């Protein structure tokens, strides 16, 4: 029983798994933050482009020239 407890204390497989889970959660959280920033930026840009195109006029040639 003592040998089992000593081996259990020395085993680091669980600790490595916890490290990877924490690292993966941090990467997913950062990706979510980046997505929100990009999404709001492109939404504002598309609104600005829509407004600019709506308020513009197009000159046309008269008489086919």
C-alpha atoms as a PDB file:
ATOM      1  CA  UNK A   1       0.000   0.000   0.000  1.00  0.00           C
ATOM      2  CA  UNK A   2       2.849   2.381   0.800  1.00  0.00           C
ATOM      3  CA  UNK A   3       4.446   1.604  -2.558  1.00  0.00           C
ATOM      4  CA  UNK A   4       1.157   2.451  -4.301  1.00  0.00           C
ATOM      5  CA  UNK A   5       0.951   5.799  -2.511  1.00  0.00           C
ATOM      6  CA  UNK A   6       4.558   6.682  -3.392  1.00  0.00           C
ATOM      7  CA  UNK A   7       3.987   5.810  -7.041  1.00  0.00           C
ATOM      8  CA  UNK A   8       0.755   7.779  -7.061  1.00  0.00           C
ATOM      9  CA  UNK A   9       2.518  10.881  -5.732  1.00  0.00           C
ATOM     10  CA  UNK A  10       5.270  10.623  -8.362  1.00  0.00           C
ATOM     11  CA  UNK A  11       2.842  10.137 -11.276  1.00  0.00           C
ATOM     12  CA  UNK A  12       2.462  13.427 -13.164  1.00  0.00           C
ATOM     13  CA  UNK A  13       0.078  12.335 -15.928  1.00  0.00           C
ATOM     14  CA  UNK A  14      -2.892  13.989 -14.244  1.00  0.00           C
ATOM     15  CA  UNK A  15      -0.980  17.231 -13.736  1.00  0.00           C
ATOM     16  CA  UNK A  16      -0.049  17.359 -17.422  1.00  0.00           C
ATOM     17  CA  UNK A  17      -3.682  16.827 -18.363  1.00  0.00           C
ATOM     18  CA  UNK A  18      -4.774  19.701 -16.118  1.00  0.00           C
ATOM     19  CA  UNK A  19      -2.135  21.937 -17.719  1.00  0.00           C
ATOM     20  CA  UNK A  20      -3.420  21.125 -21.201  1.00  0.00           C
ATOM     21  CA  UNK A  21      -7.040  21.714 -20.187  1.00  0.00           C
ATOM     22  CA  UNK A  22      -6.186  25.136 -18.742  1.00  0.00           C
ATOM     23  CA  UNK A  23      -4.101  26.039 -21.793  1.00  0.00           C
ATOM     24  CA  UNK A  24      -6.868  24.967 -24.173  1.00  0.00           C
ATOM     25  CA  UNK A  25      -9.472  26.945 -22.228  1.00  0.00           C
ATOM     26  CA  UNK A  26      -7.263  30.051 -22.414  1.00  0.00           C
ATOM     27  CA  UNK A  27      -6.830  29.673 -26.189  1.00  0.00           C
ATOM     28  CA  UNK A  28     -10.588  29.243 -26.682  1.00  0.00           C
ATOM     29  CA  UNK A  29     -11.306  32.309 -24.537  1.00  0.00           C
ATOM     30  CA  UNK A  30      -8.802  34.422 -26.474  1.00  0.00           C
ATOM     31  CA  UNK A  31     -10.302  33.257 -29.762  1.00  0.00           C
ATOM     32  CA  UNK A  32     -13.748  34.299 -28.537  1.00  0.00           C
ATOM     33  CA  UNK A  33     -12.489  37.749 -27.566  1.00  0.00           C
ATOM     34  CA  UNK A  34     -10.778  38.148 -30.936  1.00  0.00           C
ATOM     35  CA  UNK A  35     -13.936  37.059 -32.754  1.00  0.00           C
ATOM     36  CA  UNK A  36     -16.045  39.630 -30.911  1.00  0.00           C
ATOM     37  CA  UNK A  37     -13.581  42.390 -31.787  1.00  0.00           C
ATOM     38  CA  UNK A  38     -13.457  41.447 -35.446  1.00  0.00           C
ATOM     39  CA  UNK A  39     -17.225  40.993 -35.633  1.00  0.00           C
ATOM     40  CA  UNK A  40     -18.017  44.419 -34.198  1.00  0.00           C
ATOM     41  CA  UNK A  41     -15.356  46.092 -36.358  1.00  0.00           C
ATOM     42  CA  UNK A  42     -16.610  44.585 -39.596  1.00  0.00           C
ATOM     43  CA  UNK A  43     -20.209  45.369 -38.650  1.00  0.00           C
ATOM     44  CA  UNK A  44     -19.370  49.039 -38.189  1.00  0.00           C
ATOM     45  CA  UNK A  45     -17.379  49.097 -41.423  1.00  0.00           C
ATOM     46  CA  UNK A  46     -20.203  47.559 -43.438  1.00  0.00           C
ATOM     47  CA  UNK A  47     -22.622  50.142 -42.011  1.00  0.00           C
ATOM     48  CA  UNK A  48     -20.273  52.951 -43.032  1.00  0.00           C
ATOM     49  CA  UNK A  49     -19.903  51.546 -46.551  1.00  0.00           C
ATOM     50  CA  UNK A  50     -23.676  51.150 -46.865  1.00  0.00           C
ATOM     51  CA  UNK A  51     -24.220  54.759 -45.814  1.00  0.00           C
ATOM     52  CA  UNK A  52     -21.573  56.030 -48.231  1.00  0.00           C
ATOM     53  CA  UNK A  53     -23.032  54.105 -51.161  1.00  0.00           C
ATOM     54  CA  UNK A  54     -26.593  55.116 -50.318  1.00  0.00           C
ATOM     55  CA  UNK A  55     -25.694  58.817 -50.265  1.00  0.00           C
ATOM     56  CA  UNK A  56     -23.640  58.754 -53.475  1.00  0.00           C
ATOM     57  CA  UNK A  57     -24.766  59.568 -56.977  1.00  0.00           C
ATOM     58  CA  UNK A  58     -23.636  57.988 -60.190  1.00  0.00           C
ATOM     59  CA  UNK A  59     -23.003  60.139 -63.237  1.00  0.00           C
ATOM     60  CA  UNK A  60     -24.287  58.726 -66.481  1.00  0.00           C
ATOM     61  CA  UNK A  61     -23.337  59.642 -70.021  1.00  0.00           C
ATOM     62  CA  UNK A  62     -26.058  61.259 -72.073  1.00  0.00           C
ATOM     63  CA  UNK A  63     -26.386  60.338 -75.725  1.00  0.00           C
ATOM     64  CA  UNK A  64     -24.108  57.304 -75.590  1.00  0.00           C
ATOM     65  CA  UNK A  65     -20.867  59.303 -75.472  1.00  0.00           C
END
